[in-house]
Amino acid sequence: MEKTRIRTSFVISGDDLKPSVCTHAMGVSPTLCFMKGQQREGKRPPAPIGEWIIRTDWMEISSLDEGIDSLMDIVWPLRDAVTQLASRDRLRVSVVSVVELLHDRPEYCLNKRNITRLAQLGADYSIDLYDFRGDQ
C-alpha cells in the first residue's frame, strides 16, 4: 500500500490568546503563532482568532495514529501546562490531522491511548481531508 501525506497540528486558540504567554507557559516555541487580527502570510485575511500551533512536518504514513504519536512525543510532556493555561485563560485546545490523499487512503481510526490523551488534554479532534487522487 502506498502511503499518503499527513501533517498533525496541536492548536491552542482563543480571541484573547497572547502567543508570548503560551510560549512562556509551555516552555517551548511554537511552529506558528499569531494574535487575533494579525496579518498572515500571502493573500490570507487577518487571523480571525489567536492561535499557538505546534505541528509535525508532512509525513508519508499509513494511519492518523502515526501522526498523533509523533505530535504527542512533543505535546504530552506539556499536558499539565496545557490544561492549566487553557482553563485559566479560557482557551480552546485542538488537534488537527491534515490528510493529502495522493494514493491509498490511510487508516481513519485512533487507538485507545491517543483517544485517552486527547481527552486528558481537553482537545477537540478534526480531520482536514484533501483528495488529490483524481489529479494524477
C-alpha atoms as a PDB file:
ATOM      1  CA  MET A   1       0.000   0.000   0.000  1.00  0.00           C
ATOM      2  CA  GLU A   2       1.406   3.411  -0.960  1.00  0.00           C
ATOM      3  CA  LYS A   3       1.301   5.877   1.885  1.00  0.00           C
ATOM      4  CA  THR A   4      -0.347   9.277   1.870  1.00  0.00           C
ATOM      5  CA  ARG A   5       0.858  12.585   3.345  1.00  0.00           C
ATOM      6  CA  ILE A   6      -0.302  13.638   6.805  1.00  0.00           C
ATOM      7  CA  ARG A   7       0.620  16.642   8.942  1.00  0.00           C
ATOM      8  CA  THR A   8      -0.702  16.795  12.504  1.00  0.00           C
ATOM      9  CA  SER A   9      -1.101  20.020  14.479  1.00  0.00           C
ATOM     10  CA  PHE A  10      -1.672  20.851  18.129  1.00  0.00           C
ATOM     11  CA  VAL A  11      -3.512  24.163  18.434  1.00  0.00           C
ATOM     12  CA  ILE A  12      -4.287  26.397  21.384  1.00  0.00           C
ATOM     13  CA  SER A  13      -6.677  29.159  20.314  1.00  0.00           C
ATOM     14  CA  GLY A  14      -8.808  31.996  21.621  1.00  0.00           C
ATOM     15  CA  ASP A  15      -9.870  35.562  20.974  1.00  0.00           C
ATOM     16  CA  ASP A  16      -7.603  36.885  23.716  1.00  0.00           C
ATOM     17  CA  LEU A  17      -4.713  34.460  23.163  1.00  0.00           C
ATOM     18  CA  LYS A  18      -1.296  36.026  23.577  1.00  0.00           C
ATOM     19  CA  PRO A  19       1.356  33.853  21.901  1.00  0.00           C
ATOM     20  CA  SER A  20       4.121  35.007  24.251  1.00  0.00           C
ATOM     21  CA  VAL A  21       2.057  33.892  27.275  1.00  0.00           C
ATOM     22  CA  CYS A  22       1.545  30.442  25.701  1.00  0.00           C
ATOM     23  CA  THR A  23       5.229  30.111  24.834  1.00  0.00           C
ATOM     24  CA  HIS A  24       6.236  31.045  28.376  1.00  0.00           C
ATOM     25  CA  ALA A  25       3.699  28.639  29.942  1.00  0.00           C
ATOM     26  CA  MET A  26       4.648  25.754  27.630  1.00  0.00           C
ATOM     27  CA  GLY A  27       8.386  26.277  27.768  1.00  0.00           C
ATOM     28  CA  VAL A  28       8.681  25.510  24.043  1.00  0.00           C
ATOM     29  CA  SER A  29       8.421  27.641  20.922  1.00  0.00           C
ATOM     30  CA  PRO A  30       5.510  27.089  18.540  1.00  0.00           C
ATOM     31  CA  THR A  31       5.861  26.190  14.885  1.00  0.00           C
ATOM     32  CA  LEU A  32       3.495  29.059  14.086  1.00  0.00           C
ATOM     33  CA  CYS A  33       1.528  31.619  16.105  1.00  0.00           C
ATOM     34  CA  PHE A  34      -0.465  34.796  15.662  1.00  0.00           C
ATOM     35  CA  MET A  35      -2.826  37.070  17.535  1.00  0.00           C
ATOM     36  CA  LYS A  36      -6.401  37.801  16.507  1.00  0.00           C
ATOM     37  CA  GLY A  37      -6.416  40.388  13.723  1.00  0.00           C
ATOM     38  CA  GLN A  38      -2.736  39.894  12.883  1.00  0.00           C
ATOM     39  CA  GLN A  39      -1.925  39.910   9.167  1.00  0.00           C
ATOM     40  CA  ARG A  40      -0.903  36.487   7.887  1.00  0.00           C
ATOM     41  CA  GLU A  41       1.370  35.483   5.007  1.00  0.00           C
ATOM     42  CA  GLY A  42       0.303  35.752   1.402  1.00  0.00           C
ATOM     43  CA  LYS A  43      -3.205  36.771   0.474  1.00  0.00           C
ATOM     44  CA  ARG A  44      -4.788  35.271   3.558  1.00  0.00           C
ATOM     45  CA  PRO A  45      -7.066  37.565   5.554  1.00  0.00           C
ATOM     46  CA  PRO A  46      -6.096  38.704   9.054  1.00  0.00           C
ATOM     47  CA  ALA A  47      -6.301  35.965  11.681  1.00  0.00           C
ATOM     48  CA  PRO A  48      -9.916  35.582  12.881  1.00  0.00           C
ATOM     49  CA  ILE A  49      -8.693  34.189  16.206  1.00  0.00           C
ATOM     50  CA  GLY A  50      -5.379  33.917  18.037  1.00  0.00           C
ATOM     51  CA  GLU A  51      -3.561  30.594  17.598  1.00  0.00           C
ATOM     52  CA  TRP A  52      -0.441  28.971  19.020  1.00  0.00           C
ATOM     53  CA  ILE A  53       0.494  25.905  16.954  1.00  0.00           C
ATOM     54  CA  ILE A  54       2.928  23.018  17.131  1.00  0.00           C
ATOM     55  CA  ARG A  55       2.817  20.813  14.058  1.00  0.00           C
ATOM     56  CA  THR A  56       4.693  17.930  12.571  1.00  0.00           C
ATOM     57  CA  ASP A  57       6.342  18.021   9.184  1.00  0.00           C
ATOM     58  CA  TRP A  58       4.489  16.349   6.327  1.00  0.00           C
ATOM     59  CA  MET A  59       4.940  12.600   6.776  1.00  0.00           C
ATOM     60  CA  GLU A  60       4.256   9.736   4.407  1.00  0.00           C
ATOM     61  CA  ILE A  61       2.431   7.439   6.800  1.00  0.00           C
ATOM     62  CA  SER A  62      -0.430   4.970   6.676  1.00  0.00           C
ATOM     63  CA  SER A  63      -2.547   5.978   9.697  1.00  0.00           C
ATOM     64  CA  LEU A  64      -3.750   9.016  11.607  1.00  0.00           C
ATOM     65  CA  ASP A  65      -2.381   7.431  14.789  1.00  0.00           C
ATOM     66  CA  GLU A  66       1.197   7.636  13.498  1.00  0.00           C
ATOM     67  CA  GLY A  67       0.878  11.401  13.087  1.00  0.00           C
ATOM     68  CA  ILE A  68      -0.712  11.835  16.511  1.00  0.00           C
ATOM     69  CA  ASP A  69       2.014   9.671  18.076  1.00  0.00           C
ATOM     70  CA  SER A  70       4.695  11.962  16.591  1.00  0.00           C
ATOM     71  CA  LEU A  71       2.903  15.055  17.837  1.00  0.00           C
ATOM     72  CA  MET A  72       2.330  13.603  21.308  1.00  0.00           C
ATOM     73  CA  ASP A  73       6.073  12.982  21.667  1.00  0.00           C
ATOM     74  CA  ILE A  74       6.303  16.779  21.908  1.00  0.00           C
ATOM     75  CA  VAL A  75       2.966  17.748  23.469  1.00  0.00           C
ATOM     76  CA  TRP A  76       2.271  15.038  26.036  1.00  0.00           C
ATOM     77  CA  PRO A  77       5.069  16.111  28.441  1.00  0.00           C
ATOM     78  CA  LEU A  78       3.426  19.577  28.425  1.00  0.00           C
ATOM     79  CA  ARG A  79      -0.036  18.309  29.388  1.00  0.00           C
ATOM     80  CA  ASP A  80      -0.193  19.945  32.829  1.00  0.00           C
ATOM     81  CA  ALA A  81       0.807  23.334  31.403  1.00  0.00           C
ATOM     82  CA  VAL A  82      -1.713  22.907  28.558  1.00  0.00           C
ATOM     83  CA  THR A  83      -4.674  22.137  30.799  1.00  0.00           C
ATOM     84  CA  GLN A  84      -3.809  24.851  33.331  1.00  0.00           C
ATOM     85  CA  LEU A  85      -3.363  27.530  30.653  1.00  0.00           C
ATOM     86  CA  ALA A  86      -6.490  26.512  28.740  1.00  0.00           C
ATOM     87  CA  SER A  87      -8.594  26.560  31.901  1.00  0.00           C
ATOM     88  CA  ARG A  88      -7.170  29.795  33.294  1.00  0.00           C
ATOM     89  CA  ASP A  89      -7.360  31.773  30.024  1.00  0.00           C
ATOM     90  CA  ARG A  90     -10.471  30.076  28.578  1.00  0.00           C
ATOM     91  CA  LEU A  91      -8.627  28.791  25.535  1.00  0.00           C
ATOM     92  CA  ARG A  92      -9.599  26.013  23.158  1.00  0.00           C
ATOM     93  CA  VAL A  93      -7.282  23.042  22.647  1.00  0.00           C
ATOM     94  CA  SER A  94      -7.469  21.006  19.459  1.00  0.00           C
ATOM     95  CA  VAL A  95      -5.551  18.522  17.352  1.00  0.00           C
ATOM     96  CA  VAL A  96      -5.944  18.545  13.584  1.00  0.00           C
ATOM     97  CA  SER A  97      -4.789  15.944  11.081  1.00  0.00           C
ATOM     98  CA  VAL A  98      -4.398  17.342   7.564  1.00  0.00           C
ATOM     99  CA  VAL A  99      -4.537  14.472   5.082  1.00  0.00           C
ATOM    100  CA  GLU A 100      -3.457  14.766   1.446  1.00  0.00           C
ATOM    101  CA  LEU A 101      -4.731  11.707  -0.371  1.00  0.00           C
ATOM    102  CA  LEU A 102      -2.249  11.016  -3.146  1.00  0.00           C
ATOM    103  CA  HIS A 103      -2.601   7.253  -3.372  1.00  0.00           C
ATOM    104  CA  ASP A 104      -4.336   4.866  -0.969  1.00  0.00           C
ATOM    105  CA  ARG A 105      -6.276   6.238   1.967  1.00  0.00           C
ATOM    106  CA  PRO A 106      -4.802   5.990   5.484  1.00  0.00           C
ATOM    107  CA  GLU A 107      -6.409   4.240   8.433  1.00  0.00           C
ATOM    108  CA  TYR A 108      -9.003   6.624   9.877  1.00  0.00           C
ATOM    109  CA  CYS A 109      -9.020   5.233  13.381  1.00  0.00           C
ATOM    110  CA  LEU A 110      -7.426   6.207  16.670  1.00  0.00           C
ATOM    111  CA  ASN A 111      -6.117   3.812  19.268  1.00  0.00           C
ATOM    112  CA  LYS A 112      -7.314   3.942  22.876  1.00  0.00           C
ATOM    113  CA  ARG A 113      -4.099   5.575  24.068  1.00  0.00           C
ATOM    114  CA  ASN A 114      -4.461   8.524  21.710  1.00  0.00           C
ATOM    115  CA  ILE A 115      -8.177   8.905  22.461  1.00  0.00           C
ATOM    116  CA  THR A 116      -7.331   8.999  26.177  1.00  0.00           C
ATOM    117  CA  ARG A 117      -4.528  11.521  25.633  1.00  0.00           C
ATOM    118  CA  LEU A 118      -6.757  13.819  23.579  1.00  0.00           C
ATOM    119  CA  ALA A 119      -9.425  13.637  26.287  1.00  0.00           C
ATOM    120  CA  GLN A 120      -6.928  14.357  29.082  1.00  0.00           C
ATOM    121  CA  LEU A 121      -5.659  17.393  27.158  1.00  0.00           C
ATOM    122  CA  GLY A 122      -9.266  18.529  26.737  1.00  0.00           C
ATOM    123  CA  ALA A 123      -8.627  18.597  22.992  1.00  0.00           C
ATOM    124  CA  ASP A 124     -11.109  18.548  20.146  1.00  0.00           C
ATOM    125  CA  TYR A 125     -10.023  16.458  17.160  1.00  0.00           C
ATOM    126  CA  SER A 126     -10.651  17.120  13.486  1.00  0.00           C
ATOM    127  CA  ILE A 127      -9.503  15.916  10.090  1.00  0.00           C
ATOM    128  CA  ASP A 128      -8.964  18.150   7.050  1.00  0.00           C
ATOM    129  CA  LEU A 129      -9.079  15.901   4.001  1.00  0.00           C
ATOM    130  CA  TYR A 130      -7.809  16.829   0.549  1.00  0.00           C
ATOM    131  CA  ASP A 131      -8.240  14.212  -2.174  1.00  0.00           C
ATOM    132  CA  PHE A 132      -5.732  14.655  -4.998  1.00  0.00           C
ATOM    133  CA  ARG A 133      -6.083  11.147  -6.434  1.00  0.00           C
ATOM    134  CA  GLY A 134      -8.013  12.344  -9.488  1.00  0.00           C
ATOM    135  CA  ASP A 135      -5.372  14.986 -10.257  1.00  0.00           C
ATOM    136  CA  GLN A 136      -2.735  12.458 -11.323  1.00  0.00           C
END
